[in-house]
Amino acid sequence: MTSSQTETVPDSAQASSPPATVQAFLDAFARRDVAGALALVSPQASVTVHPLGLAGAGRDALRTVLDDLVRAFPDLRLTIRRVITTGDVVTALVKAEGTQATDYAGAINQEKHLDIDQAWRCTVTGGLITGVSAYWCQRQLYRRLAVKRFDAIAIA
C-alpha cells in the first residue's frame, strides 16, 4: 500500500469487516467529523439519497449531504437502532435528532427539533464504502420542521 493510500484510508479500516467499516463511518458522522466519515468512503462511491433526489458518484456527492446535515443541525445526534449485514452490504437503521439552526432542504429555520428514522445501506469493498443509499420520509422531515405547504417548501 502506498503512502497516499494510507493517508486516505485509516489504519482501522484497512482490515475491517463491512459492519465495522460502516460503524466507523456512522461514528465519525455522529461526532460531526465529516472528513473522518468520508475517509472510509471510496472516491468513486455510488451515492443515492432518495429523499433529496440525489444520485451521484464520489465522495463529494456524499460530502454535500453530510455537511448540510451537520451545518443545519449542529447538535445532531445519531442513534444506531439496528445493523443488518448481508455479505458486503450493511444496512444501518438510524434515528437522527437535532435542533434546526439554519435552512435545510428548502425548509426555513424555525429552530424546530428534528427526530427522524433513517436507513443507510452501504456496500463495502476492501475496507471502503463503495456504495451508499440513504432513505427517510421527506414528508415527515418537513412536518417535524413545521413546513406547512409542500408546494412552496420555504414557506412555513
C-alpha atoms as a PDB file:
ATOM      1  CA  MET A   1       0.000   0.000   0.000  1.00  0.00           C
ATOM      2  CA  THR A   2       1.392   3.397  -0.956  1.00  0.00           C
ATOM      3  CA  SER A   3       1.661   6.255   1.490  1.00  0.00           C
ATOM      4  CA  SER A   4      -1.085   8.184  -0.337  1.00  0.00           C
ATOM      5  CA  GLN A   5      -3.464   5.261   0.163  1.00  0.00           C
ATOM      6  CA  THR A   6      -2.545   5.085   3.821  1.00  0.00           C
ATOM      7  CA  GLU A   7      -3.389   8.772   4.218  1.00  0.00           C
ATOM      8  CA  THR A   8      -6.812   8.244   2.625  1.00  0.00           C
ATOM      9  CA  VAL A   9      -7.791   5.074   4.490  1.00  0.00           C
ATOM     10  CA  PRO A  10      -7.479   4.998   8.284  1.00  0.00           C
ATOM     11  CA  ASP A  11      -5.500   2.019   9.627  1.00  0.00           C
ATOM     12  CA  SER A  12      -8.579   0.746  11.454  1.00  0.00           C
ATOM     13  CA  ALA A  13     -10.490   0.466   8.177  1.00  0.00           C
ATOM     14  CA  GLN A  14      -7.802  -1.304   6.166  1.00  0.00           C
ATOM     15  CA  ALA A  15      -8.642  -4.764   7.505  1.00  0.00           C
ATOM     16  CA  SER A  16     -12.139  -4.053   8.818  1.00  0.00           C
ATOM     17  CA  SER A  17     -15.213  -6.130   8.285  1.00  0.00           C
ATOM     18  CA  PRO A  18     -18.091  -4.437   6.429  1.00  0.00           C
ATOM     19  CA  PRO A  19     -20.098  -3.829   9.653  1.00  0.00           C
ATOM     20  CA  ALA A  20     -17.037  -2.349  11.391  1.00  0.00           C
ATOM     21  CA  THR A  21     -16.397  -0.027   8.441  1.00  0.00           C
ATOM     22  CA  VAL A  22     -19.998   1.209   8.415  1.00  0.00           C
ATOM     23  CA  GLN A  23     -19.962   1.574  12.221  1.00  0.00           C
ATOM     24  CA  ALA A  24     -16.790   3.686  11.988  1.00  0.00           C
ATOM     25  CA  PHE A  25     -18.404   5.808   9.242  1.00  0.00           C
ATOM     26  CA  LEU A  26     -21.537   6.430  11.327  1.00  0.00           C
ATOM     27  CA  ASP A  27     -19.499   7.062  14.486  1.00  0.00           C
ATOM     28  CA  ALA A  28     -17.466   9.747  12.701  1.00  0.00           C
ATOM     29  CA  PHE A  29     -20.631  11.276  11.249  1.00  0.00           C
ATOM     30  CA  ALA A  30     -22.246  11.264  14.709  1.00  0.00           C
ATOM     31  CA  ARG A  31     -19.219  13.206  16.008  1.00  0.00           C
ATOM     32  CA  ARG A  32     -19.819  15.654  13.145  1.00  0.00           C
ATOM     33  CA  ASP A  33     -16.437  14.602  11.725  1.00  0.00           C
ATOM     34  CA  VAL A  34     -17.377  14.671   8.053  1.00  0.00           C
ATOM     35  CA  ALA A  35     -13.765  14.311   6.890  1.00  0.00           C
ATOM     36  CA  GLY A  36     -13.318  11.265   9.123  1.00  0.00           C
ATOM     37  CA  ALA A  37     -16.508   9.681   7.812  1.00  0.00           C
ATOM     38  CA  LEU A  38     -15.537  10.361   4.199  1.00  0.00           C
ATOM     39  CA  ALA A  39     -12.108   8.812   4.730  1.00  0.00           C
ATOM     40  CA  LEU A  40     -13.980   5.498   4.851  1.00  0.00           C
ATOM     41  CA  VAL A  41     -15.705   6.118   1.502  1.00  0.00           C
ATOM     42  CA  SER A  42     -14.199   5.265  -1.876  1.00  0.00           C
ATOM     43  CA  PRO A  43     -13.517   8.299  -4.068  1.00  0.00           C
ATOM     44  CA  GLN A  44     -15.668   6.638  -6.763  1.00  0.00           C
ATOM     45  CA  ALA A  45     -18.512   5.551  -4.469  1.00  0.00           C
ATOM     46  CA  SER A  46     -22.018   5.456  -5.856  1.00  0.00           C
ATOM     47  CA  VAL A  47     -24.217   7.748  -3.747  1.00  0.00           C
ATOM     48  CA  THR A  48     -28.017   7.882  -3.750  1.00  0.00           C
ATOM     49  CA  VAL A  49     -30.015   9.891  -1.225  1.00  0.00           C
ATOM     50  CA  HIS A  50     -33.569   9.125  -2.243  1.00  0.00           C
ATOM     51  CA  PRO A  51     -35.434  11.827  -0.244  1.00  0.00           C
ATOM     52  CA  LEU A  52     -33.240  14.583  -1.680  1.00  0.00           C
ATOM     53  CA  GLY A  53     -33.357  13.224  -5.227  1.00  0.00           C
ATOM     54  CA  LEU A  54     -29.567  12.908  -5.238  1.00  0.00           C
ATOM     55  CA  ALA A  55     -27.879  10.310  -7.392  1.00  0.00           C
ATOM     56  CA  GLY A  56     -24.191  10.860  -7.911  1.00  0.00           C
ATOM     57  CA  ALA A  57     -20.777   9.402  -7.771  1.00  0.00           C
ATOM     58  CA  GLY A  58     -17.888  10.098  -5.478  1.00  0.00           C
ATOM     59  CA  ARG A  59     -17.186  11.451  -2.066  1.00  0.00           C
ATOM     60  CA  ASP A  60     -18.197  14.985  -2.988  1.00  0.00           C
ATOM     61  CA  ALA A  61     -21.830  13.975  -3.515  1.00  0.00           C
ATOM     62  CA  LEU A  62     -21.897  12.465  -0.037  1.00  0.00           C
ATOM     63  CA  ARG A  63     -19.859  15.330   1.447  1.00  0.00           C
ATOM     64  CA  THR A  64     -22.607  17.774   0.462  1.00  0.00           C
ATOM     65  CA  VAL A  65     -25.292  15.700   2.209  1.00  0.00           C
ATOM     66  CA  LEU A  66     -23.270  15.235   5.405  1.00  0.00           C
ATOM     67  CA  ASP A  67     -22.057  18.853   5.521  1.00  0.00           C
ATOM     68  CA  ASP A  68     -25.622  20.149   5.070  1.00  0.00           C
ATOM     69  CA  LEU A  69     -26.914  17.969   7.929  1.00  0.00           C
ATOM     70  CA  VAL A  70     -24.083  18.941  10.280  1.00  0.00           C
ATOM     71  CA  ARG A  71     -24.445  22.635   9.427  1.00  0.00           C
ATOM     72  CA  ALA A  72     -28.242  22.677   9.758  1.00  0.00           C
ATOM     73  CA  PHE A  73     -28.293  20.591  12.960  1.00  0.00           C
ATOM     74  CA  PRO A  74     -25.177  21.481  14.985  1.00  0.00           C
ATOM     75  CA  ASP A  75     -26.405  19.338  17.884  1.00  0.00           C
ATOM     76  CA  LEU A  76     -27.076  16.378  15.575  1.00  0.00           C
ATOM     77  CA  ARG A  77     -27.267  13.080  17.425  1.00  0.00           C
ATOM     78  CA  LEU A  78     -27.372   9.730  15.650  1.00  0.00           C
ATOM     79  CA  THR A  79     -28.578   6.613  17.406  1.00  0.00           C
ATOM     80  CA  ILE A  80     -27.974   3.321  15.644  1.00  0.00           C
ATOM     81  CA  ARG A  81     -31.020   1.166  16.284  1.00  0.00           C
ATOM     82  CA  ARG A  82     -30.080  -1.915  14.299  1.00  0.00           C
ATOM     83  CA  VAL A  83     -27.435  -3.139  11.870  1.00  0.00           C
ATOM     84  CA  ILE A  84     -28.281  -5.788   9.281  1.00  0.00           C
ATOM     85  CA  THR A  85     -25.414  -7.393   7.382  1.00  0.00           C
ATOM     86  CA  THR A  86     -25.741  -9.490   4.253  1.00  0.00           C
ATOM     87  CA  GLY A  87     -22.302 -10.240   2.843  1.00  0.00           C
ATOM     88  CA  ASP A  88     -20.686  -6.940   1.900  1.00  0.00           C
ATOM     89  CA  VAL A  89     -23.949  -4.969   2.239  1.00  0.00           C
ATOM     90  CA  VAL A  90     -24.648  -3.345   5.600  1.00  0.00           C
ATOM     91  CA  THR A  91     -27.914  -1.602   6.381  1.00  0.00           C
ATOM     92  CA  ALA A  92     -27.995   0.611   9.464  1.00  0.00           C
ATOM     93  CA  LEU A  93     -31.309   1.780  10.888  1.00  0.00           C
ATOM     94  CA  VAL A  94     -30.604   5.128  12.498  1.00  0.00           C
ATOM     95  CA  LYS A  95     -32.540   7.801  14.375  1.00  0.00           C
ATOM     96  CA  ALA A  96     -31.302  11.329  13.650  1.00  0.00           C
ATOM     97  CA  GLU A  97     -32.138  14.040  16.180  1.00  0.00           C
ATOM     98  CA  GLY A  98     -31.216  17.677  16.498  1.00  0.00           C
ATOM     99  CA  THR A  99     -32.440  21.245  16.515  1.00  0.00           C
ATOM    100  CA  GLN A 100     -32.504  23.143  13.255  1.00  0.00           C
ATOM    101  CA  ALA A 101     -30.119  26.105  13.272  1.00  0.00           C
ATOM    102  CA  THR A 102     -30.217  27.121   9.613  1.00  0.00           C
ATOM    103  CA  ASP A 103     -32.256  26.429   6.483  1.00  0.00           C
ATOM    104  CA  TYR A 104     -32.214  22.790   5.402  1.00  0.00           C
ATOM    105  CA  ALA A 105     -33.546  21.062   2.275  1.00  0.00           C
ATOM    106  CA  GLY A 106     -35.715  24.066   1.436  1.00  0.00           C
ATOM    107  CA  ALA A 107     -37.181  24.410   4.942  1.00  0.00           C
ATOM    108  CA  ILE A 108     -36.546  27.769   6.563  1.00  0.00           C
ATOM    109  CA  ASN A 109     -35.028  27.726  10.016  1.00  0.00           C
ATOM    110  CA  GLN A 110     -37.627  27.820  12.775  1.00  0.00           C
ATOM    111  CA  GLU A 111     -35.367  26.171  15.370  1.00  0.00           C
ATOM    112  CA  LYS A 112     -37.581  23.082  15.381  1.00  0.00           C
ATOM    113  CA  HIS A 113     -36.459  19.781  16.828  1.00  0.00           C
ATOM    114  CA  LEU A 114     -35.974  17.003  14.319  1.00  0.00           C
ATOM    115  CA  ASP A 115     -36.221  13.324  15.091  1.00  0.00           C
ATOM    116  CA  ILE A 116     -36.462  11.074  12.091  1.00  0.00           C
ATOM    117  CA  ASP A 117     -35.774   7.441  11.358  1.00  0.00           C
ATOM    118  CA  GLN A 118     -33.345   6.792   8.553  1.00  0.00           C
ATOM    119  CA  ALA A 119     -31.869   3.774   6.793  1.00  0.00           C
ATOM    120  CA  TRP A 120     -28.335   3.870   5.424  1.00  0.00           C
ATOM    121  CA  ARG A 121     -27.495   0.976   3.089  1.00  0.00           C
ATOM    122  CA  CYS A 122     -23.774   0.689   2.415  1.00  0.00           C
ATOM    123  CA  THR A 123     -21.781  -1.647   0.210  1.00  0.00           C
ATOM    124  CA  VAL A 124     -18.246  -2.235   1.484  1.00  0.00           C
ATOM    125  CA  THR A 125     -15.361  -3.492  -0.637  1.00  0.00           C
ATOM    126  CA  GLY A 126     -11.793  -3.773   0.576  1.00  0.00           C
ATOM    127  CA  GLY A 127     -12.433  -1.825   3.770  1.00  0.00           C
ATOM    128  CA  LEU A 128     -14.021   1.149   1.980  1.00  0.00           C
ATOM    129  CA  ILE A 129     -17.648   2.052   1.408  1.00  0.00           C
ATOM    130  CA  THR A 130     -18.219   1.813  -2.346  1.00  0.00           C
ATOM    131  CA  GLY A 131     -21.949   2.472  -2.375  1.00  0.00           C
ATOM    132  CA  VAL A 132     -24.353   4.431  -0.178  1.00  0.00           C
ATOM    133  CA  SER A 133     -28.131   4.639  -0.404  1.00  0.00           C
ATOM    134  CA  ALA A 134     -29.916   6.681   2.235  1.00  0.00           C
ATOM    135  CA  TYR A 135     -33.643   6.643   2.926  1.00  0.00           C
ATOM    136  CA  TRP A 136     -36.038   8.580   5.151  1.00  0.00           C
ATOM    137  CA  CYS A 137     -39.517  10.034   4.808  1.00  0.00           C
ATOM    138  CA  GLN A 138     -39.082  13.565   3.452  1.00  0.00           C
ATOM    139  CA  ARG A 139     -42.685  14.488   4.306  1.00  0.00           C
ATOM    140  CA  GLN A 140     -42.044  13.504   7.920  1.00  0.00           C
ATOM    141  CA  LEU A 141     -38.898  15.618   7.914  1.00  0.00           C
ATOM    142  CA  TYR A 142     -40.866  18.603   6.631  1.00  0.00           C
ATOM    143  CA  ARG A 143     -43.617  18.070   9.228  1.00  0.00           C
ATOM    144  CA  ARG A 144     -41.011  17.985  12.003  1.00  0.00           C
ATOM    145  CA  LEU A 145     -39.555  21.231  10.686  1.00  0.00           C
ATOM    146  CA  ALA A 146     -43.054  22.830  10.631  1.00  0.00           C
ATOM    147  CA  VAL A 147     -43.333  23.194   6.864  1.00  0.00           C
ATOM    148  CA  LYS A 148     -46.999  23.752   6.198  1.00  0.00           C
ATOM    149  CA  ARG A 149     -47.036  23.805   2.393  1.00  0.00           C
ATOM    150  CA  PHE A 150     -45.289  21.212   0.273  1.00  0.00           C
ATOM    151  CA  ASP A 151     -45.785  23.131  -2.989  1.00  0.00           C
ATOM    152  CA  ALA A 152     -43.575  26.004  -1.733  1.00  0.00           C
ATOM    153  CA  ILE A 153     -41.255  24.372   0.761  1.00  0.00           C
ATOM    154  CA  ALA A 154     -39.553  27.543   2.008  1.00  0.00           C
ATOM    155  CA  ILE A 155     -42.921  28.976   3.114  1.00  0.00           C
ATOM    156  CA  ALA A 156     -43.847  27.866   6.604  1.00  0.00           C
END
